[in-house]
PDB file of all heavy atoms in Angstrom:
ATOM      1  N   ARG A   1       5.295   8.811   1.772  1.00  0.00           N
ATOM      2  CA  ARG A   1       4.881  10.089   2.346  1.00  0.00           C
ATOM      3  C   ARG A   1       3.367  10.150   2.323  1.00  0.00           C
ATOM      4  O   ARG A   1       2.740   9.788   1.345  1.00  0.00           O
ATOM      5  CB  ARG A   1       5.451  11.221   1.502  1.00  0.00           C
ATOM      6  CG  ARG A   1       5.963  12.321   2.301  1.00  0.00           C
ATOM      7  CD  ARG A   1       6.771  13.338   1.503  1.00  0.00           C
ATOM      8  NE  ARG A   1       6.669  14.584   2.176  1.00  0.00           N
ATOM      9  CZ  ARG A   1       7.218  14.827   3.353  1.00  0.00           C
ATOM     10  NH1 ARG A   1       7.929  13.914   3.941  1.00  0.00           N
ATOM     11  NH2 ARG A   1       7.067  15.986   3.929  1.00  0.00           N
ATOM     12  N   LEU A   2       2.777  10.629   3.414  1.00  0.00           N
ATOM     13  CA  LEU A   2       1.320  10.698   3.494  1.00  0.00           C
ATOM     14  C   LEU A   2       0.934  11.912   4.330  1.00  0.00           C
ATOM     15  O   LEU A   2       1.383  12.047   5.469  1.00  0.00           O
ATOM     16  CB  LEU A   2       0.765   9.414   4.121  1.00  0.00           C
ATOM     17  CG  LEU A   2      -0.739   9.294   4.247  1.00  0.00           C
ATOM     18  CD1 LEU A   2      -1.405   9.329   2.869  1.00  0.00           C
ATOM     19  CD2 LEU A   2      -1.105   7.997   4.963  1.00  0.00           C
ATOM     20  N   GLY A   3       0.140  12.789   3.738  1.00  0.00           N
ATOM     21  CA  GLY A   3      -0.300  13.984   4.464  1.00  0.00           C
ATOM     22  C   GLY A   3       0.848  14.849   4.941  1.00  0.00           C
ATOM     23  O   GLY A   3       0.798  15.405   6.027  1.00  0.00           O
ATOM     24  N   GLY A   4       1.912  14.926   4.119  1.00  0.00           N
ATOM     25  CA  GLY A   4       3.066  15.733   4.478  1.00  0.00           C
ATOM     26  C   GLY A   4       4.003  15.091   5.486  1.00  0.00           C
ATOM     27  O   GLY A   4       4.974  15.706   5.913  1.00  0.00           O
ATOM     28  N   ARG A   5       3.726  13.851   5.853  1.00  0.00           N
ATOM     29  CA  ARG A   5       4.551  13.145   6.846  1.00  0.00           C
ATOM     30  C   ARG A   5       5.336  12.028   6.180  1.00  0.00           C
ATOM     31  O   ARG A   5       4.785  11.212   5.450  1.00  0.00           O
ATOM     32  CB  ARG A   5       3.627  12.554   7.906  1.00  0.00           C
ATOM     33  CG  ARG A   5       4.344  11.820   8.999  1.00  0.00           C
ATOM     34  CD  ARG A   5       3.356  11.354  10.042  1.00  0.00           C
ATOM     35  NE  ARG A   5       4.053  10.539  11.025  1.00  0.00           N
ATOM     36  CZ  ARG A   5       3.467   9.710  11.840  1.00  0.00           C
ATOM     37  NH1 ARG A   5       2.167   9.575  11.804  1.00  0.00           N
ATOM     38  NH2 ARG A   5       4.169   9.004  12.694  1.00  0.00           N
ATOM     39  N   GLY A   6       6.635  11.976   6.419  1.00  0.00           N
ATOM     40  CA  GLY A   6       7.469  10.912   5.889  1.00  0.00           C
ATOM     41  C   GLY A   6       7.205   9.603   6.615  1.00  0.00           C
ATOM     42  O   GLY A   6       7.126   9.575   7.836  1.00  0.00           O
ATOM     43  N   LEU A   7       7.047   8.529   5.845  1.00  0.00           N
ATOM     44  CA  LEU A   7       6.749   7.231   6.435  1.00  0.00           C
ATOM     45  C   LEU A   7       7.886   6.227   6.259  1.00  0.00           C
ATOM     46  O   LEU A   7       7.713   5.049   6.552  1.00  0.00           O
ATOM     47  CB  LEU A   7       5.473   6.650   5.800  1.00  0.00           C
ATOM     48  CG  LEU A   7       4.222   7.522   5.830  1.00  0.00           C
ATOM     49  CD1 LEU A   7       3.041   6.769   5.232  1.00  0.00           C
ATOM     50  CD2 LEU A   7       3.913   7.997   7.233  1.00  0.00           C
ATOM     51  N   THR A   8       9.034   6.668   5.813  1.00  0.00           N
ATOM     52  CA  THR A   8      10.116   5.727   5.528  1.00  0.00           C
ATOM     53  C   THR A   8      10.608   4.995   6.778  1.00  0.00           C
ATOM     54  O   THR A   8      11.180   3.915   6.668  1.00  0.00           O
ATOM     55  CB  THR A   8      11.300   6.424   4.835  1.00  0.00           C
ATOM     56  OG1 THR A   8      11.749   7.506   5.652  1.00  0.00           O
ATOM     57  CG2 THR A   8      10.888   6.928   3.460  1.00  0.00           C
ATOM     58  N   ALA A   9      10.350   5.524   7.949  1.00  0.00           N
ATOM     59  CA  ALA A   9      10.752   4.838   9.178  1.00  0.00           C
ATOM     60  C   ALA A   9       9.739   3.768   9.583  1.00  0.00           C
ATOM     61  O   ALA A   9      10.037   2.930  10.440  1.00  0.00           O
ATOM     62  CB  ALA A   9      10.918   5.839  10.319  1.00  0.00           C
ATOM     63  N   TRP A  10       8.562   3.798   8.962  1.00  0.00           N
ATOM     64  CA  TRP A  10       7.544   2.782   9.273  1.00  0.00           C
ATOM     65  C   TRP A  10       7.972   1.450   8.691  1.00  0.00           C
ATOM     66  O   TRP A  10       8.588   1.391   7.631  1.00  0.00           O
ATOM     67  CB  TRP A  10       6.223   3.156   8.654  1.00  0.00           C
ATOM     68  CG  TRP A  10       5.470   4.289   9.283  1.00  0.00           C
ATOM     69  CD1 TRP A  10       5.949   5.253  10.114  1.00  0.00           C
ATOM     70  CD2 TRP A  10       4.091   4.570   9.089  1.00  0.00           C
ATOM     71  NE1 TRP A  10       4.946   6.124  10.445  1.00  0.00           N
ATOM     72  CE2 TRP A  10       3.796   5.726   9.824  1.00  0.00           C
ATOM     73  CE3 TRP A  10       3.082   3.971   8.355  1.00  0.00           C
ATOM     74  CZ2 TRP A  10       2.525   6.278   9.856  1.00  0.00           C
ATOM     75  CZ3 TRP A  10       1.814   4.525   8.390  1.00  0.00           C
ATOM     76  CH2 TRP A  10       1.541   5.668   9.143  1.00  0.00           C
ATOM     77  N   PRO A  11       7.602   0.349   9.315  1.00  0.00           N
ATOM     78  CA  PRO A  11       7.863  -0.967   8.714  1.00  0.00           C
ATOM     79  C   PRO A  11       7.123  -1.093   7.384  1.00  0.00           C
ATOM     80  O   PRO A  11       6.050  -0.500   7.190  1.00  0.00           O
ATOM     81  CB  PRO A  11       7.290  -1.954   9.735  1.00  0.00           C
ATOM     82  CG  PRO A  11       7.182  -1.186  11.016  1.00  0.00           C
ATOM     83  CD  PRO A  11       6.964   0.250  10.626  1.00  0.00           C
ATOM     84  N   TYR A  12       7.681  -1.890   6.481  1.00  0.00           N
ATOM     85  CA  TYR A  12       7.089  -2.079   5.151  1.00  0.00           C
ATOM     86  C   TYR A  12       5.624  -2.503   5.252  1.00  0.00           C
ATOM     87  O   TYR A  12       4.765  -2.007   4.527  1.00  0.00           O
ATOM     88  CB  TYR A  12       7.899  -3.120   4.366  1.00  0.00           C
ATOM     89  CG  TYR A  12       7.308  -3.444   3.023  1.00  0.00           C
ATOM     90  CD1 TYR A  12       7.406  -2.541   1.971  1.00  0.00           C
ATOM     91  CD2 TYR A  12       6.631  -4.645   2.811  1.00  0.00           C
ATOM     92  CE1 TYR A  12       6.855  -2.823   0.738  1.00  0.00           C
ATOM     93  CE2 TYR A  12       6.081  -4.936   1.583  1.00  0.00           C
ATOM     94  CZ  TYR A  12       6.192  -4.027   0.545  1.00  0.00           C
ATOM     95  OH  TYR A  12       5.636  -4.306  -0.665  1.00  0.00           O
ATOM     96  N   ALA A  13       5.303  -3.405   6.167  1.00  0.00           N
ATOM     97  CA  ALA A  13       3.923  -3.888   6.308  1.00  0.00           C
ATOM     98  C   ALA A  13       2.968  -2.739   6.639  1.00  0.00           C
ATOM     99  O   ALA A  13       1.838  -2.711   6.146  1.00  0.00           O
ATOM    100  CB  ALA A  13       3.842  -4.971   7.375  1.00  0.00           C
ATOM    101  N   CYS A  14       3.404  -1.801   7.447  1.00  0.00           N
ATOM    102  CA  CYS A  14       2.553  -0.653   7.790  1.00  0.00           C
ATOM    103  C   CYS A  14       2.382   0.277   6.599  1.00  0.00           C
ATOM    104  O   CYS A  14       1.291   0.816   6.369  1.00  0.00           O
ATOM    105  CB  CYS A  14       3.146   0.110   8.971  1.00  0.00           C
ATOM    106  SG  CYS A  14       3.113  -0.826  10.517  1.00  0.00           S
ATOM    107  N   ARG A  15       3.456   0.466   5.826  1.00  0.00           N
ATOM    108  CA  ARG A  15       3.354   1.327   4.632  1.00  0.00           C
ATOM    109  C   ARG A  15       2.437   0.711   3.582  1.00  0.00           C
ATOM    110  O   ARG A  15       1.634   1.412   2.964  1.00  0.00           O
ATOM    111  CB  ARG A  15       4.735   1.602   4.046  1.00  0.00           C
ATOM    112  CG  ARG A  15       5.623   2.433   4.964  1.00  0.00           C
ATOM    113  CD  ARG A  15       6.886   2.941   4.283  1.00  0.00           C
ATOM    114  NE  ARG A  15       7.570   1.988   3.463  1.00  0.00           N
ATOM    115  CZ  ARG A  15       8.582   1.210   3.845  1.00  0.00           C
ATOM    116  NH1 ARG A  15       9.025   1.275   5.094  1.00  0.00           N
ATOM    117  NH2 ARG A  15       9.167   0.382   3.011  1.00  0.00           N
ATOM    118  N   THR A  16       2.516  -0.603   3.382  1.00  0.00           N
ATOM    119  CA  THR A  16       1.630  -1.221   2.387  1.00  0.00           C
ATOM    120  C   THR A  16       0.187  -1.223   2.891  1.00  0.00           C
ATOM    121  O   THR A  16      -0.742  -1.097   2.092  1.00  0.00           O
ATOM    122  CB  THR A  16       2.080  -2.641   2.003  1.00  0.00           C
ATOM    123  OG1 THR A  16       2.199  -3.441   3.169  1.00  0.00           O
ATOM    124  CG2 THR A  16       3.379  -2.617   1.240  1.00  0.00           C
ATOM    125  N   ALA A  17      -0.016  -1.330   4.198  1.00  0.00           N
ATOM    126  CA  ALA A  17      -1.378  -1.219   4.747  1.00  0.00           C
ATOM    127  C   ALA A  17      -1.924   0.185   4.483  1.00  0.00           C
ATOM    128  O   ALA A  17      -3.107   0.345   4.151  1.00  0.00           O
ATOM    129  CB  ALA A  17      -1.379  -1.539   6.234  1.00  0.00           C
ATOM    130  N   ALA A  18      -1.080   1.198   4.605  1.00  0.00           N
ATOM    131  CA  ALA A  18      -1.500   2.572   4.302  1.00  0.00           C
ATOM    132  C   ALA A  18      -1.862   2.697   2.826  1.00  0.00           C
ATOM    133  O   ALA A  18      -2.839   3.363   2.472  1.00  0.00           O
ATOM    134  CB  ALA A  18      -0.394   3.559   4.676  1.00  0.00           C
ATOM    135  N   LEU A  19      -1.098   2.042   1.958  1.00  0.00           N
ATOM    136  CA  LEU A  19      -1.411   2.048   0.525  1.00  0.00           C
ATOM    137  C   LEU A  19      -2.754   1.370   0.269  1.00  0.00           C
ATOM    138  O   LEU A  19      -3.573   1.870  -0.509  1.00  0.00           O
ATOM    139  CB  LEU A  19      -0.307   1.358  -0.277  1.00  0.00           C
ATOM    140  CG  LEU A  19      -0.552   1.248  -1.779  1.00  0.00           C
ATOM    141  CD1 LEU A  19      -0.663   2.623  -2.418  1.00  0.00           C
ATOM    142  CD2 LEU A  19       0.544   0.435  -2.433  1.00  0.00           C
ATOM    143  N   ASP A  20      -3.009   0.261   0.938  1.00  0.00           N
ATOM    144  CA  ASP A  20      -4.295  -0.428   0.797  1.00  0.00           C
ATOM    145  C   ASP A  20      -5.444   0.504   1.169  1.00  0.00           C
ATOM    146  O   ASP A  20      -6.460   0.566   0.479  1.00  0.00           O
ATOM    147  CB  ASP A  20      -4.349  -1.680   1.665  1.00  0.00           C
ATOM    148  CG  ASP A  20      -3.414  -2.783   1.203  1.00  0.00           C
ATOM    149  OD1 ASP A  20      -2.916  -2.714   0.059  1.00  0.00           O
ATOM    150  OD2 ASP A  20      -3.176  -3.711   1.996  1.00  0.00           O
ATOM    151  N   ARG A  21      -5.276   1.229   2.279  1.00  0.00           N
ATOM    152  CA  ARG A  21      -6.328   2.158   2.713  1.00  0.00           C
ATOM    153  C   ARG A  21      -6.516   3.281   1.702  1.00  0.00           C
ATOM    154  O   ARG A  21      -7.653   3.653   1.382  1.00  0.00           O
ATOM    155  CB  ARG A  21      -5.996   2.728   4.091  1.00  0.00           C
ATOM    156  CG  ARG A  21      -6.238   1.753   5.222  1.00  0.00           C
ATOM    157  CD  ARG A  21      -6.130   2.415   6.590  1.00  0.00           C
ATOM    158  NE  ARG A  21      -4.850   3.065   6.827  1.00  0.00           N
ATOM    159  CZ  ARG A  21      -3.755   2.451   7.271  1.00  0.00           C
ATOM    160  NH1 ARG A  21      -3.774   1.153   7.513  1.00  0.00           N
ATOM    161  NH2 ARG A  21      -2.646   3.123   7.465  1.00  0.00           N
ATOM    162  N   LEU A  22      -5.415   3.832   1.187  1.00  0.00           N
ATOM    163  CA  LEU A  22      -5.521   4.893   0.177  1.00  0.00           C
ATOM    164  C   LEU A  22      -6.238   4.394  -1.064  1.00  0.00           C
ATOM    165  O   LEU A  22      -7.076   5.090  -1.640  1.00  0.00           O
ATOM    166  CB  LEU A  22      -4.127   5.406  -0.215  1.00  0.00           C
ATOM    167  CG  LEU A  22      -3.432   6.289   0.798  1.00  0.00           C
ATOM    168  CD1 LEU A  22      -1.982   6.531   0.372  1.00  0.00           C
ATOM    169  CD2 LEU A  22      -4.168   7.601   0.946  1.00  0.00           C
ATOM    170  N   PHE A  23      -5.915   3.189  -1.494  1.00  0.00           N
ATOM    171  CA  PHE A  23      -6.527   2.592  -2.683  1.00  0.00           C
ATOM    172  C   PHE A  23      -8.037   2.458  -2.474  1.00  0.00           C
ATOM    173  O   PHE A  23      -8.833   2.845  -3.334  1.00  0.00           O
ATOM    174  CB  PHE A  23      -5.887   1.219  -2.919  1.00  0.00           C
ATOM    175  CG  PHE A  23      -6.193   0.620  -4.251  1.00  0.00           C
ATOM    176  CD1 PHE A  23      -5.340   0.826  -5.321  1.00  0.00           C
ATOM    177  CD2 PHE A  23      -7.318  -0.166  -4.443  1.00  0.00           C
ATOM    178  CE1 PHE A  23      -5.602   0.262  -6.554  1.00  0.00           C
ATOM    179  CE2 PHE A  23      -7.602  -0.734  -5.673  1.00  0.00           C
ATOM    180  CZ  PHE A  23      -6.741  -0.519  -6.733  1.00  0.00           C
ATOM    181  N   THR A  24      -8.415   1.946  -1.321  1.00  0.00           N
ATOM    182  CA  THR A  24      -9.834   1.763  -1.012  1.00  0.00           C
ATOM    183  C   THR A  24     -10.546   3.105  -0.863  1.00  0.00           C
ATOM    184  O   THR A  24     -11.625   3.314  -1.423  1.00  0.00           O
ATOM    185  CB  THR A  24      -9.998   0.939   0.279  1.00  0.00           C
ATOM    186  OG1 THR A  24      -9.382  -0.336   0.077  1.00  0.00           O
ATOM    187  CG2 THR A  24     -11.451   0.746   0.648  1.00  0.00           C
ATOM    188  N   ASP A  25      -9.934   4.030  -0.112  1.00  0.00           N
ATOM    189  CA  ASP A  25     -10.552   5.331   0.127  1.00  0.00           C
ATOM    190  C   ASP A  25     -10.751   6.118  -1.165  1.00  0.00           C
ATOM    191  O   ASP A  25     -11.723   6.856  -1.302  1.00  0.00           O
ATOM    192  CB  ASP A  25      -9.714   6.163   1.099  1.00  0.00           C
ATOM    193  CG  ASP A  25      -9.707   5.598   2.515  1.00  0.00           C
ATOM    194  OD1 ASP A  25     -10.517   4.683   2.800  1.00  0.00           O
ATOM    195  OD2 ASP A  25      -8.883   6.058   3.326  1.00  0.00           O
ATOM    196  N   ALA A  26      -9.835   5.951  -2.124  1.00  0.00           N
ATOM    197  CA  ALA A  26      -9.932   6.664  -3.405  1.00  0.00           C
ATOM    198  C   ALA A  26     -10.900   5.976  -4.362  1.00  0.00           C
ATOM    199  O   ALA A  26     -11.250   6.526  -5.395  1.00  0.00           O
ATOM    200  CB  ALA A  26      -8.555   6.781  -4.055  1.00  0.00           C
ATOM    201  N   GLY A  27     -11.332   4.757  -4.018  1.00  0.00           N
ATOM    202  CA  GLY A  27     -12.258   4.026  -4.876  1.00  0.00           C
ATOM    203  C   GLY A  27     -11.661   3.637  -6.213  1.00  0.00           C
ATOM    204  O   GLY A  27     -12.368   3.586  -7.218  1.00  0.00           O
ATOM    205  N   LEU A  28     -10.362   3.367  -6.236  1.00  0.00           N
ATOM    206  CA  LEU A  28      -9.701   3.010  -7.489  1.00  0.00           C
ATOM    207  C   LEU A  28     -10.145   1.636  -7.962  1.00  0.00           C
ATOM    208  O   LEU A  28     -10.389   0.737  -7.163  1.00  0.00           O
ATOM    209  CB  LEU A  28      -8.182   3.040  -7.326  1.00  0.00           C
ATOM    210  CG  LEU A  28      -7.588   4.406  -7.027  1.00  0.00           C
ATOM    211  CD1 LEU A  28      -6.083   4.285  -6.796  1.00  0.00           C
ATOM    212  CD2 LEU A  28      -7.864   5.380  -8.152  1.00  0.00           C
ATOM    213  N   SER A  29     -10.260   1.503  -9.264  1.00  0.00           N
ATOM    214  CA  SER A  29     -10.610   0.221  -9.874  1.00  0.00           C
ATOM    215  C   SER A  29      -9.807   0.076 -11.158  1.00  0.00           C
ATOM    216  O   SER A  29      -8.994   0.930 -11.482  1.00  0.00           O
ATOM    217  CB  SER A  29     -12.112   0.144 -10.146  1.00  0.00           C
ATOM    218  OG  SER A  29     -12.502   1.186 -11.014  1.00  0.00           O
ATOM    219  N   ALA A  30     -10.060  -1.002 -11.909  1.00  0.00           N
ATOM    220  CA  ALA A  30      -9.303  -1.277 -13.127  1.00  0.00           C
ATOM    221  C   ALA A  30      -9.214  -0.017 -13.987  1.00  0.00           C
ATOM    222  O   ALA A  30     -10.181   0.729 -14.069  1.00  0.00           O
ATOM    223  CB  ALA A  30      -9.960  -2.409 -13.899  1.00  0.00           C
ATOM    224  N   PRO A  31      -8.058   0.263 -14.535  1.00  0.00           N
ATOM    225  CA  PRO A  31      -6.894  -0.594 -14.690  1.00  0.00           C
ATOM    226  C   PRO A  31      -5.951  -0.584 -13.489  1.00  0.00           C
ATOM    227  O   PRO A  31      -4.911  -1.212 -13.525  1.00  0.00           O
ATOM    228  CB  PRO A  31      -6.185  -0.005 -15.906  1.00  0.00           C
ATOM    229  CG  PRO A  31      -6.435   1.459 -15.787  1.00  0.00           C
ATOM    230  CD  PRO A  31      -7.865   1.551 -15.230  1.00  0.00           C
ATOM    231  N   PHE A  32      -6.291   0.133 -12.427  1.00  0.00           N
ATOM    232  CA  PHE A  32      -5.442   0.148 -11.245  1.00  0.00           C
ATOM    233  C   PHE A  32      -5.710  -1.092 -10.410  1.00  0.00           C
ATOM    234  O   PHE A  32      -6.849  -1.507 -10.247  1.00  0.00           O
ATOM    235  CB  PHE A  32      -5.716   1.400 -10.400  1.00  0.00           C
ATOM    236  CG  PHE A  32      -5.496   2.670 -11.145  1.00  0.00           C
ATOM    237  CD1 PHE A  32      -6.567   3.388 -11.636  1.00  0.00           C
ATOM    238  CD2 PHE A  32      -4.221   3.127 -11.392  1.00  0.00           C
ATOM    239  CE1 PHE A  32      -6.375   4.550 -12.343  1.00  0.00           C
ATOM    240  CE2 PHE A  32      -4.008   4.298 -12.095  1.00  0.00           C
ATOM    241  CZ  PHE A  32      -5.091   5.008 -12.576  1.00  0.00           C
ATOM    242  N   THR A  33      -4.643  -1.664  -9.878  1.00  0.00           N
ATOM    243  CA  THR A  33      -4.796  -2.835  -9.008  1.00  0.00           C
ATOM    244  C   THR A  33      -3.614  -2.907  -8.057  1.00  0.00           C
ATOM    245  O   THR A  33      -2.512  -2.498  -8.390  1.00  0.00           O
ATOM    246  CB  THR A  33      -4.910  -4.131  -9.835  1.00  0.00           C
ATOM    247  OG1 THR A  33      -5.185  -5.206  -8.956  1.00  0.00           O
ATOM    248  CG2 THR A  33      -3.648  -4.423 -10.612  1.00  0.00           C
ATOM    249  N   LEU A  34      -3.878  -3.403  -6.871  1.00  0.00           N
ATOM    250  CA  LEU A  34      -2.782  -3.647  -5.934  1.00  0.00           C
ATOM    251  C   LEU A  34      -2.148  -4.972  -6.288  1.00  0.00           C
ATOM    252  O   LEU A  34      -2.813  -5.903  -6.717  1.00  0.00           O
ATOM    253  CB  LEU A  34      -3.312  -3.683  -4.496  1.00  0.00           C
ATOM    254  CG  LEU A  34      -3.808  -2.344  -3.961  1.00  0.00           C
ATOM    255  CD1 LEU A  34      -4.443  -2.530  -2.597  1.00  0.00           C
ATOM    256  CD2 LEU A  34      -2.671  -1.337  -3.884  1.00  0.00           C
ATOM    257  N   ARG A  35      -0.873  -5.058  -6.122  1.00  0.00           N
ATOM    258  CA  ARG A  35      -0.151  -6.267  -6.501  1.00  0.00           C
ATOM    259  C   ARG A  35      -0.227  -7.298  -5.397  1.00  0.00           C
ATOM    260  O   ARG A  35      -0.309  -6.974  -4.222  1.00  0.00           O
ATOM    261  CB  ARG A  35       1.299  -5.942  -6.829  1.00  0.00           C
ATOM    262  CG  ARG A  35       2.225  -5.843  -5.633  1.00  0.00           C
ATOM    263  CD  ARG A  35       2.116  -4.466  -5.023  1.00  0.00           C
ATOM    264  NE  ARG A  35       2.782  -4.338  -3.743  1.00  0.00           N
ATOM    265  CZ  ARG A  35       2.120  -4.046  -2.649  1.00  0.00           C
ATOM    266  NH1 ARG A  35       0.829  -3.960  -2.644  1.00  0.00           N
ATOM    267  NH2 ARG A  35       2.761  -3.850  -1.529  1.00  0.00           N
ATOM    268  N   PRO A  36      -0.205  -8.561  -5.786  1.00  0.00           N
ATOM    269  CA  PRO A  36      -0.135  -9.601  -4.769  1.00  0.00           C
ATOM    270  C   PRO A  36       1.252  -9.606  -4.135  1.00  0.00           C
ATOM    271  O   PRO A  36       2.194  -9.070  -4.704  1.00  0.00           O
ATOM    272  CB  PRO A  36      -0.388 -10.882  -5.557  1.00  0.00           C
ATOM    273  CG  PRO A  36       0.010 -10.571  -6.947  1.00  0.00           C
ATOM    274  CD  PRO A  36      -0.235  -9.093  -7.134  1.00  0.00           C
ATOM    275  N   SER A  37       1.353 -10.201  -2.982  1.00  0.00           N
ATOM    276  CA  SER A  37       2.637 -10.248  -2.300  1.00  0.00           C
ATOM    277  C   SER A  37       2.785 -11.594  -1.602  1.00  0.00           C
ATOM    278  O   SER A  37       1.831 -12.119  -1.030  1.00  0.00           O
ATOM    279  CB  SER A  37       2.710  -9.126  -1.258  1.00  0.00           C
ATOM    280  OG  SER A  37       3.933  -9.152  -0.577  1.00  0.00           O
ATOM    281  N   THR A  38       3.989 -12.148  -1.671  1.00  0.00           N
ATOM    282  CA  THR A  38       4.279 -13.401  -0.976  1.00  0.00           C
ATOM    283  C   THR A  38       5.769 -13.495  -0.679  1.00  0.00           C
ATOM    284  O   THR A  38       6.579 -12.859  -1.350  1.00  0.00           O
ATOM    285  CB  THR A  38       3.844 -14.626  -1.812  1.00  0.00           C
ATOM    286  OG1 THR A  38       4.017 -15.797  -1.008  1.00  0.00           O
ATOM    287  CG2 THR A  38       4.648 -14.763  -3.086  1.00  0.00           C
ATOM    288  N   THR A  39       6.092 -14.260   0.318  1.00  0.00           N
ATOM    289  CA  THR A  39       7.493 -14.581   0.596  1.00  0.00           C
ATOM    290  C   THR A  39       7.767 -16.047   0.265  1.00  0.00           C
ATOM    291  O   THR A  39       8.880 -16.518   0.464  1.00  0.00           O
ATOM    292  CB  THR A  39       7.840 -14.322   2.081  1.00  0.00           C
ATOM    293  OG1 THR A  39       6.962 -15.086   2.906  1.00  0.00           O
ATOM    294  CG2 THR A  39       7.713 -12.840   2.422  1.00  0.00           C
ATOM    295  N   ASP A  40       6.745 -16.737  -0.256  1.00  0.00           N
ATOM    296  CA  ASP A  40       6.860 -18.152  -0.584  1.00  0.00           C
ATOM    297  C   ASP A  40       7.299 -18.338  -2.037  1.00  0.00           C
ATOM    298  O   ASP A  40       6.566 -17.959  -2.956  1.00  0.00           O
ATOM    299  CB  ASP A  40       5.526 -18.845  -0.358  1.00  0.00           C
ATOM    300  CG  ASP A  40       5.573 -20.322  -0.717  1.00  0.00           C
ATOM    301  OD1 ASP A  40       6.549 -20.993  -0.325  1.00  0.00           O
ATOM    302  OD2 ASP A  40       4.639 -20.795  -1.388  1.00  0.00           O
ATOM    303  N   PRO A  41       8.495 -18.878  -2.283  1.00  0.00           N
ATOM    304  CA  PRO A  41       8.987 -19.056  -3.661  1.00  0.00           C
ATOM    305  C   PRO A  41       8.052 -19.901  -4.533  1.00  0.00           C
ATOM    306  O   PRO A  41       7.880 -19.620  -5.716  1.00  0.00           O
ATOM    307  CB  PRO A  41      10.341 -19.736  -3.486  1.00  0.00           C
ATOM    308  CG  PRO A  41      10.777 -19.397  -2.107  1.00  0.00           C
ATOM    309  CD  PRO A  41       9.499 -19.303  -1.303  1.00  0.00           C
ATOM    310  N   ALA A  42       7.430 -20.930  -3.970  1.00  0.00           N
ATOM    311  CA  ALA A  42       6.534 -21.780  -4.764  1.00  0.00           C
ATOM    312  C   ALA A  42       5.320 -20.988  -5.250  1.00  0.00           C
ATOM    313  O   ALA A  42       4.881 -21.139  -6.397  1.00  0.00           O
ATOM    314  CB  ALA A  42       6.091 -22.986  -3.947  1.00  0.00           C
TER     315      ALA A  42
END
Protein backbone atom coordinates (compact mmCIF):
# COMPACT_ATOMS: atom_id res chain seq x y z
CA ARG A 1 0.00 0.00 0.00
CA LEU A 2 1.34 3.43 -0.90
CA GLY A 3 -0.35 6.80 -0.45
CA GLY A 4 -3.65 5.12 0.37
CA ARG A 5 -3.54 3.04 -2.82
CA GLY A 6 -3.40 -0.76 -2.80
CA LEU A 7 -0.53 -2.14 -4.85
CA THR A 8 -1.20 -5.87 -4.55
CA ALA A 9 -2.22 -6.02 -8.22
CA TRP A 10 1.17 -4.62 -9.26
CA PRO A 11 3.84 -7.12 -10.31
CA TYR A 12 6.34 -7.96 -7.56
CA ALA A 13 9.16 -6.21 -9.46
CA CYS A 14 7.18 -2.95 -9.50
CA ARG A 15 6.38 -3.21 -5.78
CA THR A 16 10.02 -3.80 -4.86
CA ALA A 17 11.04 -0.87 -7.09
CA ALA A 18 8.57 1.26 -5.11
CA LEU A 19 10.20 0.01 -1.89
CA ASP A 20 13.63 0.96 -3.26
CA ARG A 21 12.36 4.48 -3.98
CA LEU A 22 10.80 4.79 -0.51
CA PHE A 23 14.05 3.62 1.09
CA THR A 24 16.07 6.16 -0.87
CA ASP A 25 13.58 9.01 -0.44
CA ALA A 26 13.48 8.45 3.34
CA GLY A 27 17.29 8.46 3.51
CA LEU A 28 17.36 5.25 5.53
CA SER A 29 20.73 3.84 6.51
CA ALA A 30 22.13 1.20 8.88
CA PRO A 31 20.71 -0.69 10.65
CA PHE A 32 18.10 -0.61 7.88
CA THR A 33 19.05 -2.29 4.62
CA LEU A 34 17.33 -3.62 1.55
CA ARG A 35 17.79 -7.32 1.05
CA PRO A 36 19.55 -8.81 -1.91
CA SER A 37 17.46 -10.79 -4.34
CA THR A 38 18.24 -13.56 -6.81
CA THR A 39 16.58 -16.41 -8.63
CA ASP A 40 19.91 -18.20 -9.07
CA PRO A 41 20.33 -21.11 -6.59
CA ALA A 42 24.15 -20.96 -6.80
